[in-house]
Structures are given as structure tokens and as C-alpha cells.
């Protein structure tokens, strides 16, 4: 009798085990693809605010076109904004020294830092969704970490010791590039950025303008505070007749 009962219940047990395993698998997938990234994002958002920064989310950015602010409703409280939306922008008005926490939010589109007491940009090297990046008053000397940010349209790295812009040529979508108040002198990389319409090189060590002669889409160029020769400036004006060039 016991043998018959065992044979009759074993298929049920097998089905139950399959269901249990499938349930565990689904929970693991949800945890891995939703919960863990959300927890990381929440941690980043808290770090930004603790350092005097401002965080904006995708829904807020889109809603700003039609409403004064996004309304998440009860979902904003439970499970929380960081679980139902992605960070789209981060702005620091106060000085920060470490960008490493940002390596967990690779989907941000806008990042601005008024003062960066550091030079390491590697934590944002994989933030391939970045469309605008602005860093002022830093210790940055090179831009190699930005070579994979192919979606960048606006880049401002100024008031720092930047001497090497190798890698910026990979940012093929750049429209606006600001490198004011840096010691750069070699701008060969810029000849590949044919989509540029605004370029600022004020107070730099740039003297050779030949790499800019092929930038036919350039509309605004600032060379104030440089030692560019009048002849080189005249040649550039001839090569770019539609460009407004500011110089001393």
C-alpha cells in the first residue's frame, strides 16, 4: 500500500520541485537585473546628496517639458524612486575628490562638477550614455578615459592642468568642446571632430591652427589669450569663412 502511495505522489513531487526551481530562478533574475542595480543606484544617489550634489531622474527630465515636476505617486515612496526610474543627471556645486561611486550608474546622460579635487576619470569610462560632461577646476591632465564615450555632444574640461587630449577624437558626436584655461598646445586630435560647431581654446598654449582648417561645421571659435600669429589666424579665417573667430 505504501509503495502504491509513493508511486502516485512522486509525479506531484517532481512537478513541485520544478515549480520551486523555476520560482527560485525567476526571483534570482529579478534580484540580479532589477533589485541589485536599483540598490546600487540608491547608494549613489545618497552619496551625491551627502556631498552637496543634485540628482535628476529620467522621468523628471521628460516631465519638465510639460509639468513642473514628475509625480511618481505612491511608487516614489514604495519601493522608491531608485527602483522605478534611472538617474539621468548629476550636478555637484561643491568640491569632490573621488568619482569612484559613479562607476555604478553607467546610464547617466549628464554630469557636471564645479570643482573636482582629483584627476582620475576612469570611474566614468563606461558611462557610454553620457551626452554632456562638464568639469571645472580640477587636476585633470589627460582625457584618455573618455575615449569610449561616443555619445558625448558637450564636453567642458577647463581651469586645470590638461596637457594631453588624446582620446577625445573618439567622441565623434561632439558639438561643443570647451578647453579654456588649460596648458594644451597640441590639438591634432581635433581635426577628426568634423561635427564641432563650437570650440573654445581661450588661455591655452595653442599656436598651430592647421588641425582646425578642415572643421567646416565650426561656427564659433575662441582663441582669446593665445599666442596665435596674425598670419595663422588669417589663414584660418580663409579656410573657415563661416566661423566667428574670437581673438585678441
C-alpha atoms as a PDB file:
ATOM      1  CA  UNK A   1       0.000   0.000   0.000  1.00  0.00           C
ATOM      2  CA  UNK A   2       2.802   2.387   0.860  1.00  0.00           C
ATOM      3  CA  UNK A   3       4.540   1.575  -2.418  1.00  0.00           C
ATOM      4  CA  UNK A   4       1.379   2.475  -4.381  1.00  0.00           C
ATOM      5  CA  UNK A   5       1.036   5.802  -2.487  1.00  0.00           C
ATOM      6  CA  UNK A   6       4.665   6.603  -3.157  1.00  0.00           C
ATOM      7  CA  UNK A   7       4.272   5.925  -6.884  1.00  0.00           C
ATOM      8  CA  UNK A   8       1.107   8.058  -7.008  1.00  0.00           C
ATOM      9  CA  UNK A   9       2.684  11.083  -5.245  1.00  0.00           C
ATOM     10  CA  UNK A  10       6.118  11.061  -6.867  1.00  0.00           C
ATOM     11  CA  UNK A  11       4.947  12.818 -10.104  1.00  0.00           C
ATOM     12  CA  UNK A  12       3.402  15.557  -7.959  1.00  0.00           C
ATOM     13  CA  UNK A  13       6.615  15.931  -6.022  1.00  0.00           C
ATOM     14  CA  UNK A  14       8.595  16.155  -9.255  1.00  0.00           C
ATOM     15  CA  UNK A  15       6.303  18.898 -10.584  1.00  0.00           C
ATOM     16  CA  UNK A  16       6.516  20.769  -7.277  1.00  0.00           C
ATOM     17  CA  UNK A  17      10.296  20.665  -7.368  1.00  0.00           C
ATOM     18  CA  UNK A  18      10.299  22.005 -10.940  1.00  0.00           C
ATOM     19  CA  UNK A  19       7.958  24.820  -9.953  1.00  0.00           C
ATOM     20  CA  UNK A  20      10.128  25.600  -6.944  1.00  0.00           C
ATOM     21  CA  UNK A  21      13.297  25.673  -9.054  1.00  0.00           C
ATOM     22  CA  UNK A  22      11.639  27.880 -11.671  1.00  0.00           C
ATOM     23  CA  UNK A  23      10.444  30.212  -8.910  1.00  0.00           C
ATOM     24  CA  UNK A  24      13.940  30.442  -7.441  1.00  0.00           C
ATOM     25  CA  UNK A  25      15.338  31.135 -10.906  1.00  0.00           C
ATOM     26  CA  UNK A  26      12.802  33.923 -11.566  1.00  0.00           C
ATOM     27  CA  UNK A  27      13.478  35.503  -8.174  1.00  0.00           C
ATOM     28  CA  UNK A  28      17.219  35.380  -8.868  1.00  0.00           C
ATOM     29  CA  UNK A  29      16.725  37.023 -12.254  1.00  0.00           C
ATOM     30  CA  UNK A  30      14.575  39.795 -10.772  1.00  0.00           C
ATOM     31  CA  UNK A  31      17.084  40.329  -7.989  1.00  0.00           C
ATOM     32  CA  UNK A  32      20.027  40.343 -10.382  1.00  0.00           C
ATOM     33  CA  UNK A  33      18.567  42.532 -13.130  1.00  0.00           C
ATOM     34  CA  UNK A  34      16.377  44.902 -11.098  1.00  0.00           C
ATOM     35  CA  UNK A  35      16.956  44.874  -7.355  1.00  0.00           C
ATOM     36  CA  UNK A  36      20.779  44.892  -7.274  1.00  0.00           C
ATOM     37  CA  UNK A  37      21.187  47.715  -9.842  1.00  0.00           C
ATOM     38  CA  UNK A  38      18.478  49.690  -8.016  1.00  0.00           C
ATOM     39  CA  UNK A  39      20.230  49.251  -4.684  1.00  0.00           C
ATOM     40  CA  UNK A  40      23.493  50.435  -6.253  1.00  0.00           C
ATOM     41  CA  UNK A  41      21.735  53.442  -7.765  1.00  0.00           C
ATOM     42  CA  UNK A  42      20.125  54.303  -4.446  1.00  0.00           C
ATOM     43  CA  UNK A  43      23.541  54.206  -2.794  1.00  0.00           C
ATOM     44  CA  UNK A  44      24.956  56.517  -5.469  1.00  0.00           C
ATOM     45  CA  UNK A  45      22.049  58.958  -5.097  1.00  0.00           C
ATOM     46  CA  UNK A  46      22.606  59.093  -1.338  1.00  0.00           C
ATOM     47  CA  UNK A  47      26.343  59.698  -1.863  1.00  0.00           C
ATOM     48  CA  UNK A  48      25.639  62.541  -4.284  1.00  0.00           C
ATOM     49  CA  UNK A  49      23.287  64.277  -1.854  1.00  0.00           C
ATOM     50  CA  UNK A  50      25.664  63.787   1.077  1.00  0.00           C
ATOM     51  CA  UNK A  51      28.297  65.628  -0.967  1.00  0.00           C
ATOM     52  CA  UNK A  52      26.006  68.545  -1.759  1.00  0.00           C
ATOM     53  CA  UNK A  53      25.042  67.313  -5.206  1.00  0.00           C
ATOM     54  CA  UNK A  54      21.745  67.191  -7.067  1.00  0.00           C
ATOM     55  CA  UNK A  55      20.262  64.114  -8.726  1.00  0.00           C
ATOM     56  CA  UNK A  56      17.698  64.177 -11.523  1.00  0.00           C
ATOM     57  CA  UNK A  57      15.830  61.201 -12.936  1.00  0.00           C
ATOM     58  CA  UNK A  58      14.707  60.294 -16.448  1.00  0.00           C
ATOM     59  CA  UNK A  59      11.012  60.840 -15.727  1.00  0.00           C
ATOM     60  CA  UNK A  60      11.718  64.214 -14.118  1.00  0.00           C
ATOM     61  CA  UNK A  61      13.733  65.324 -17.142  1.00  0.00           C
ATOM     62  CA  UNK A  62      10.987  64.325 -19.569  1.00  0.00           C
ATOM     63  CA  UNK A  63       8.193  65.702 -17.387  1.00  0.00           C
ATOM     64  CA  UNK A  64       9.926  69.067 -17.170  1.00  0.00           C
ATOM     65  CA  UNK A  65       8.817  69.676 -20.749  1.00  0.00           C
ATOM     66  CA  UNK A  66       5.159  69.545 -19.709  1.00  0.00           C
ATOM     67  CA  UNK A  67       4.930  69.697 -15.914  1.00  0.00           C
ATOM     68  CA  UNK A  68       6.657  71.484 -13.078  1.00  0.00           C
ATOM     69  CA  UNK A  69       7.738  68.150 -11.585  1.00  0.00           C
ATOM     70  CA  UNK A  70       7.223  64.448 -12.086  1.00  0.00           C
ATOM     71  CA  UNK A  71       4.590  62.721  -9.992  1.00  0.00           C
ATOM     72  CA  UNK A  72       5.632  59.219  -9.044  1.00  0.00           C
ATOM     73  CA  UNK A  73       2.693  58.745  -6.699  1.00  0.00           C
ATOM     74  CA  UNK A  74       2.956  56.052  -4.052  1.00  0.00           C
ATOM     75  CA  UNK A  75       5.714  54.345  -6.064  1.00  0.00           C
ATOM     76  CA  UNK A  76       8.011  57.205  -5.105  1.00  0.00           C
ATOM     77  CA  UNK A  77       7.690  56.071  -1.501  1.00  0.00           C
ATOM     78  CA  UNK A  78       7.440  52.353  -2.042  1.00  0.00           C
ATOM     79  CA  UNK A  79       9.501  50.775  -3.477  1.00  0.00           C
ATOM     80  CA  UNK A  80      11.230  54.142  -4.071  1.00  0.00           C
ATOM     81  CA  UNK A  81      12.301  56.341  -6.964  1.00  0.00           C
ATOM     82  CA  UNK A  82      15.580  54.485  -7.438  1.00  0.00           C
ATOM     83  CA  UNK A  83      13.627  51.279  -8.069  1.00  0.00           C
ATOM     84  CA  UNK A  84      11.271  52.700 -10.696  1.00  0.00           C
ATOM     85  CA  UNK A  85      13.420  55.217 -12.536  1.00  0.00           C
ATOM     86  CA  UNK A  86      17.013  55.748 -13.678  1.00  0.00           C
ATOM     87  CA  UNK A  87      19.273  58.654 -12.808  1.00  0.00           C
ATOM     88  CA  UNK A  88      19.680  60.895 -15.855  1.00  0.00           C
ATOM     89  CA  UNK A  89      21.795  63.696 -14.413  1.00  0.00           C
ATOM     90  CA  UNK A  90      24.138  64.557 -11.540  1.00  0.00           C
ATOM     91  CA  UNK A  91      25.391  68.021 -10.634  1.00  0.00           C
ATOM     92  CA  UNK A  92      27.958  68.929  -7.975  1.00  0.00           C
ATOM     93  CA  UNK A  93      28.234  72.569  -6.942  1.00  0.00           C
ATOM     94  CA  UNK A  94      30.698  71.761  -4.139  1.00  0.00           C
ATOM     95  CA  UNK A  95      34.157  70.239  -4.382  1.00  0.00           C
ATOM     96  CA  UNK A  96      34.512  66.450  -4.585  1.00  0.00           C
ATOM     97  CA  UNK A  97      37.685  64.394  -4.769  1.00  0.00           C
ATOM     98  CA  UNK A  98      36.596  60.905  -5.854  1.00  0.00           C
ATOM     99  CA  UNK A  99      34.365  59.751  -8.728  1.00  0.00           C
ATOM    100  CA  UNK A 100      34.535  56.021  -7.976  1.00  0.00           C
ATOM    101  CA  UNK A 101      30.895  55.732  -6.752  1.00  0.00           C
ATOM    102  CA  UNK A 102      29.743  56.819 -10.224  1.00  0.00           C
ATOM    103  CA  UNK A 103      31.001  53.579 -11.752  1.00  0.00           C
ATOM    104  CA  UNK A 104      27.676  52.029 -10.684  1.00  0.00           C
ATOM    105  CA  UNK A 105      25.480  54.393 -12.751  1.00  0.00           C
ATOM    106  CA  UNK A 106      26.661  53.949 -16.314  1.00  0.00           C
ATOM    107  CA  UNK A 107      23.337  55.121 -17.755  1.00  0.00           C
ATOM    108  CA  UNK A 108      23.611  58.784 -16.697  1.00  0.00           C
ATOM    109  CA  UNK A 109      23.346  61.290 -19.547  1.00  0.00           C
ATOM    110  CA  UNK A 110      24.517  64.499 -17.872  1.00  0.00           C
ATOM    111  CA  UNK A 111      27.304  65.093 -15.352  1.00  0.00           C
ATOM    112  CA  UNK A 112      28.633  68.442 -14.168  1.00  0.00           C
ATOM    113  CA  UNK A 113      31.178  69.157 -11.443  1.00  0.00           C
ATOM    114  CA  UNK A 114      32.109  72.703 -10.461  1.00  0.00           C
ATOM    115  CA  UNK A 115      35.256  71.654  -8.626  1.00  0.00           C
ATOM    116  CA  UNK A 116      36.984  68.275  -8.789  1.00  0.00           C
ATOM    117  CA  UNK A 117      39.922  67.843  -6.441  1.00  0.00           C
ATOM    118  CA  UNK A 118      41.207  64.884  -8.393  1.00  0.00           C
ATOM    119  CA  UNK A 119      42.370  63.700 -11.813  1.00  0.00           C
ATOM    120  CA  UNK A 120      41.040  60.145 -12.237  1.00  0.00           C
ATOM    121  CA  UNK A 121      38.216  59.936 -14.795  1.00  0.00           C
ATOM    122  CA  UNK A 122      38.257  56.138 -15.098  1.00  0.00           C
ATOM    123  CA  UNK A 123      35.072  55.655 -12.977  1.00  0.00           C
ATOM    124  CA  UNK A 124      33.035  57.230 -15.793  1.00  0.00           C
ATOM    125  CA  UNK A 125      34.888  55.475 -18.612  1.00  0.00           C
ATOM    126  CA  UNK A 126      31.951  53.098 -19.143  1.00  0.00           C
ATOM    127  CA  UNK A 127      29.209  55.728 -18.871  1.00  0.00           C
ATOM    128  CA  UNK A 128      28.502  55.392 -22.585  1.00  0.00           C
ATOM    129  CA  UNK A 129      25.118  57.130 -22.297  1.00  0.00           C
ATOM    130  CA  UNK A 130      26.805  60.416 -21.315  1.00  0.00           C
ATOM    131  CA  UNK A 131      25.744  63.258 -23.593  1.00  0.00           C
ATOM    132  CA  UNK A 132      27.205  66.158 -21.629  1.00  0.00           C
ATOM    133  CA  UNK A 133      30.182  66.333 -19.275  1.00  0.00           C
ATOM    134  CA  UNK A 134      31.442  69.471 -17.553  1.00  0.00           C
ATOM    135  CA  UNK A 135      34.314  69.500 -15.051  1.00  0.00           C
ATOM    136  CA  UNK A 136      35.840  72.758 -13.830  1.00  0.00           C
ATOM    137  CA  UNK A 137      38.790  73.470 -11.544  1.00  0.00           C
ATOM    138  CA  UNK A 138      40.353  70.026 -11.420  1.00  0.00           C
ATOM    139  CA  UNK A 139      43.717  68.252 -11.518  1.00  0.00           C
ATOM    140  CA  UNK A 140      42.922  66.505 -14.791  1.00  0.00           C
ATOM    141  CA  UNK A 141      45.922  66.180 -17.130  1.00  0.00           C
ATOM    142  CA  UNK A 142      44.632  63.833 -19.845  1.00  0.00           C
ATOM    143  CA  UNK A 143      41.333  62.609 -21.366  1.00  0.00           C
ATOM    144  CA  UNK A 144      42.167  59.042 -22.358  1.00  0.00           C
ATOM    145  CA  UNK A 145      39.397  57.683 -20.094  1.00  0.00           C
ATOM    146  CA  UNK A 146      36.774  59.383 -22.282  1.00  0.00           C
ATOM    147  CA  UNK A 147      37.663  57.566 -25.492  1.00  0.00           C
ATOM    148  CA  UNK A 148      34.661  55.201 -25.249  1.00  0.00           C
ATOM    149  CA  UNK A 149      32.094  57.954 -24.647  1.00  0.00           C
ATOM    150  CA  UNK A 150      30.912  58.073 -28.238  1.00  0.00           C
ATOM    151  CA  UNK A 151      27.592  59.763 -27.382  1.00  0.00           C
ATOM    152  CA  UNK A 152      29.153  62.903 -25.881  1.00  0.00           C
ATOM    153  CA  UNK A 153      27.823  66.065 -27.506  1.00  0.00           C
ATOM    154  CA  UNK A 154      29.025  68.615 -24.953  1.00  0.00           C
ATOM    155  CA  UNK A 155      32.400  68.444 -23.210  1.00  0.00           C
ATOM    156  CA  UNK A 156      33.922  71.088 -20.964  1.00  0.00           C
ATOM    157  CA  UNK A 157      37.230  70.477 -19.201  1.00  0.00           C
ATOM    158  CA  UNK A 158      38.640  73.825 -18.105  1.00  0.00           C
ATOM    159  CA  UNK A 159      40.715  75.573 -15.435  1.00  0.00           C
ATOM    160  CA  UNK A 160      43.013  72.577 -14.958  1.00  0.00           C
ATOM    161  CA  UNK A 161      46.419  71.187 -15.949  1.00  0.00           C
ATOM    162  CA  UNK A 162      45.138  69.396 -19.034  1.00  0.00           C
ATOM    163  CA  UNK A 163      48.063  68.860 -21.402  1.00  0.00           C
ATOM    164  CA  UNK A 164      47.026  65.808 -23.430  1.00  0.00           C
ATOM    165  CA  UNK A 165      43.688  65.480 -25.240  1.00  0.00           C
ATOM    166  CA  UNK A 166      44.411  62.100 -26.816  1.00  0.00           C
ATOM    167  CA  UNK A 167      41.197  60.079 -26.884  1.00  0.00           C
ATOM    168  CA  UNK A 168      38.808  62.955 -27.408  1.00  0.00           C
ATOM    169  CA  UNK A 169      38.792  62.264 -31.171  1.00  0.00           C
ATOM    170  CA  UNK A 170      36.739  59.127 -30.434  1.00  0.00           C
ATOM    171  CA  UNK A 171      33.886  61.339 -29.228  1.00  0.00           C
ATOM    172  CA  UNK A 172      32.661  61.742 -32.783  1.00  0.00           C
ATOM    173  CA  UNK A 173      29.283  63.254 -31.817  1.00  0.00           C
ATOM    174  CA  UNK A 174      30.798  66.277 -30.073  1.00  0.00           C
ATOM    175  CA  UNK A 175      29.151  69.576 -30.989  1.00  0.00           C
ATOM    176  CA  UNK A 176      30.568  71.804 -28.243  1.00  0.00           C
ATOM    177  CA  UNK A 177      34.089  71.482 -26.828  1.00  0.00           C
ATOM    178  CA  UNK A 178      35.457  73.851 -24.174  1.00  0.00           C
ATOM    179  CA  UNK A 179      39.092  73.576 -23.108  1.00  0.00           C
ATOM    180  CA  UNK A 180      39.650  77.098 -21.756  1.00  0.00           C
ATOM    181  CA  UNK A 181      42.380  77.905 -19.247  1.00  0.00           C
ATOM    182  CA  UNK A 182      44.456  74.773 -19.771  1.00  0.00           C
ATOM    183  CA  UNK A 183      48.104  74.385 -20.906  1.00  0.00           C
ATOM    184  CA  UNK A 184      47.287  72.296 -24.001  1.00  0.00           C
ATOM    185  CA  UNK A 185      49.332  73.064 -27.101  1.00  0.00           C
ATOM    186  CA  UNK A 186      48.824  70.043 -29.371  1.00  0.00           C
ATOM    187  CA  UNK A 187      45.340  69.961 -30.947  1.00  0.00           C
ATOM    188  CA  UNK A 188      45.971  67.414 -33.712  1.00  0.00           C
ATOM    189  CA  UNK A 189      43.195  65.226 -32.259  1.00  0.00           C
ATOM    190  CA  UNK A 190      40.612  67.900 -33.029  1.00  0.00           C
ATOM    191  CA  UNK A 191      40.922  67.555 -36.797  1.00  0.00           C
ATOM    192  CA  UNK A 192      38.841  64.381 -36.561  1.00  0.00           C
ATOM    193  CA  UNK A 193      35.913  66.136 -34.843  1.00  0.00           C
ATOM    194  CA  UNK A 194      34.275  67.348 -38.029  1.00  0.00           C
ATOM    195  CA  UNK A 195      30.886  67.787 -36.332  1.00  0.00           C
ATOM    196  CA  UNK A 196      32.088  70.518 -33.957  1.00  0.00           C
ATOM    197  CA  UNK A 197      30.174  73.790 -34.164  1.00  0.00           C
ATOM    198  CA  UNK A 198      31.627  75.479 -31.045  1.00  0.00           C
ATOM    199  CA  UNK A 199      35.239  75.276 -29.859  1.00  0.00           C
ATOM    200  CA  UNK A 200      36.790  77.299 -27.046  1.00  0.00           C
ATOM    201  CA  UNK A 201      40.575  77.343 -26.614  1.00  0.00           C
ATOM    202  CA  UNK A 202      40.960  80.598 -24.685  1.00  0.00           C
ATOM    203  CA  UNK A 203      44.037  80.996 -22.484  1.00  0.00           C
ATOM    204  CA  UNK A 204      45.791  77.899 -23.796  1.00  0.00           C
ATOM    205  CA  UNK A 205      49.239  77.353 -25.328  1.00  0.00           C
ATOM    206  CA  UNK A 206      47.832  76.612 -28.771  1.00  0.00           C
ATOM    207  CA  UNK A 207      49.748  78.172 -31.665  1.00  0.00           C
ATOM    208  CA  UNK A 208      49.327  75.730 -34.567  1.00  0.00           C
ATOM    209  CA  UNK A 209      45.851  76.170 -36.077  1.00  0.00           C
ATOM    210  CA  UNK A 210      46.322  73.862 -39.062  1.00  0.00           C
ATOM    211  CA  UNK A 211      44.335  70.964 -37.474  1.00  0.00           C
ATOM    212  CA  UNK A 212      41.249  73.227 -37.391  1.00  0.00           C
ATOM    213  CA  UNK A 213      41.207  74.133 -41.079  1.00  0.00           C
ATOM    214  CA  UNK A 214      39.082  71.142 -42.025  1.00  0.00           C
ATOM    215  CA  UNK A 215      36.350  71.746 -39.429  1.00  0.00           C
ATOM    216  CA  UNK A 216      33.855  73.162 -41.918  1.00  0.00           C
ATOM    217  CA  UNK A 217      30.912  72.991 -39.486  1.00  0.00           C
ATOM    218  CA  UNK A 218      32.636  75.208 -36.940  1.00  0.00           C
ATOM    219  CA  UNK A 219      30.534  78.288 -36.181  1.00  0.00           C
ATOM    220  CA  UNK A 220      32.245  79.724 -33.084  1.00  0.00           C
ATOM    221  CA  UNK A 221      35.933  79.545 -32.183  1.00  0.00           C
ATOM    222  CA  UNK A 222      37.534  81.328 -29.227  1.00  0.00           C
ATOM    223  CA  UNK A 223      41.296  81.888 -29.254  1.00  0.00           C
ATOM    224  CA  UNK A 224      41.475  84.758 -26.788  1.00  0.00           C
ATOM    225  CA  UNK A 225      44.577  84.746 -24.615  1.00  0.00           C
ATOM    226  CA  UNK A 226      46.649  82.629 -27.011  1.00  0.00           C
ATOM    227  CA  UNK A 227      49.857  83.403 -28.928  1.00  0.00           C
ATOM    228  CA  UNK A 228      48.456  82.572 -32.329  1.00  0.00           C
ATOM    229  CA  UNK A 229      50.260  84.537 -35.050  1.00  0.00           C
ATOM    230  CA  UNK A 230      48.296  87.007 -37.194  1.00  0.00           C
ATOM    231  CA  UNK A 231      49.255  85.048 -40.327  1.00  0.00           C
ATOM    232  CA  UNK A 232      47.984  81.735 -38.950  1.00  0.00           C
ATOM    233  CA  UNK A 233      44.801  83.463 -37.844  1.00  0.00           C
ATOM    234  CA  UNK A 234      44.296  84.943 -41.294  1.00  0.00           C
ATOM    235  CA  UNK A 235      44.823  81.553 -42.946  1.00  0.00           C
ATOM    236  CA  UNK A 236      42.243  80.012 -40.641  1.00  0.00           C
ATOM    237  CA  UNK A 237      39.732  82.757 -41.389  1.00  0.00           C
ATOM    238  CA  UNK A 238      40.160  81.998 -45.084  1.00  0.00           C
ATOM    239  CA  UNK A 239      39.690  78.265 -44.519  1.00  0.00           C
ATOM    240  CA  UNK A 240      36.608  78.786 -42.312  1.00  0.00           C
ATOM    241  CA  UNK A 241      34.755  81.805 -43.748  1.00  0.00           C
ATOM    242  CA  UNK A 242      31.532  80.963 -41.885  1.00  0.00           C
ATOM    243  CA  UNK A 243      33.194  80.725 -38.470  1.00  0.00           C
ATOM    244  CA  UNK A 244      33.110  83.546 -35.938  1.00  0.00           C
ATOM    245  CA  UNK A 245      36.631  83.666 -34.505  1.00  0.00           C
ATOM    246  CA  UNK A 246      37.324  85.473 -31.228  1.00  0.00           C
ATOM    247  CA  UNK A 247      40.919  86.529 -30.649  1.00  0.00           C
ATOM    248  CA  UNK A 248      42.977  89.286 -29.010  1.00  0.00           C
END
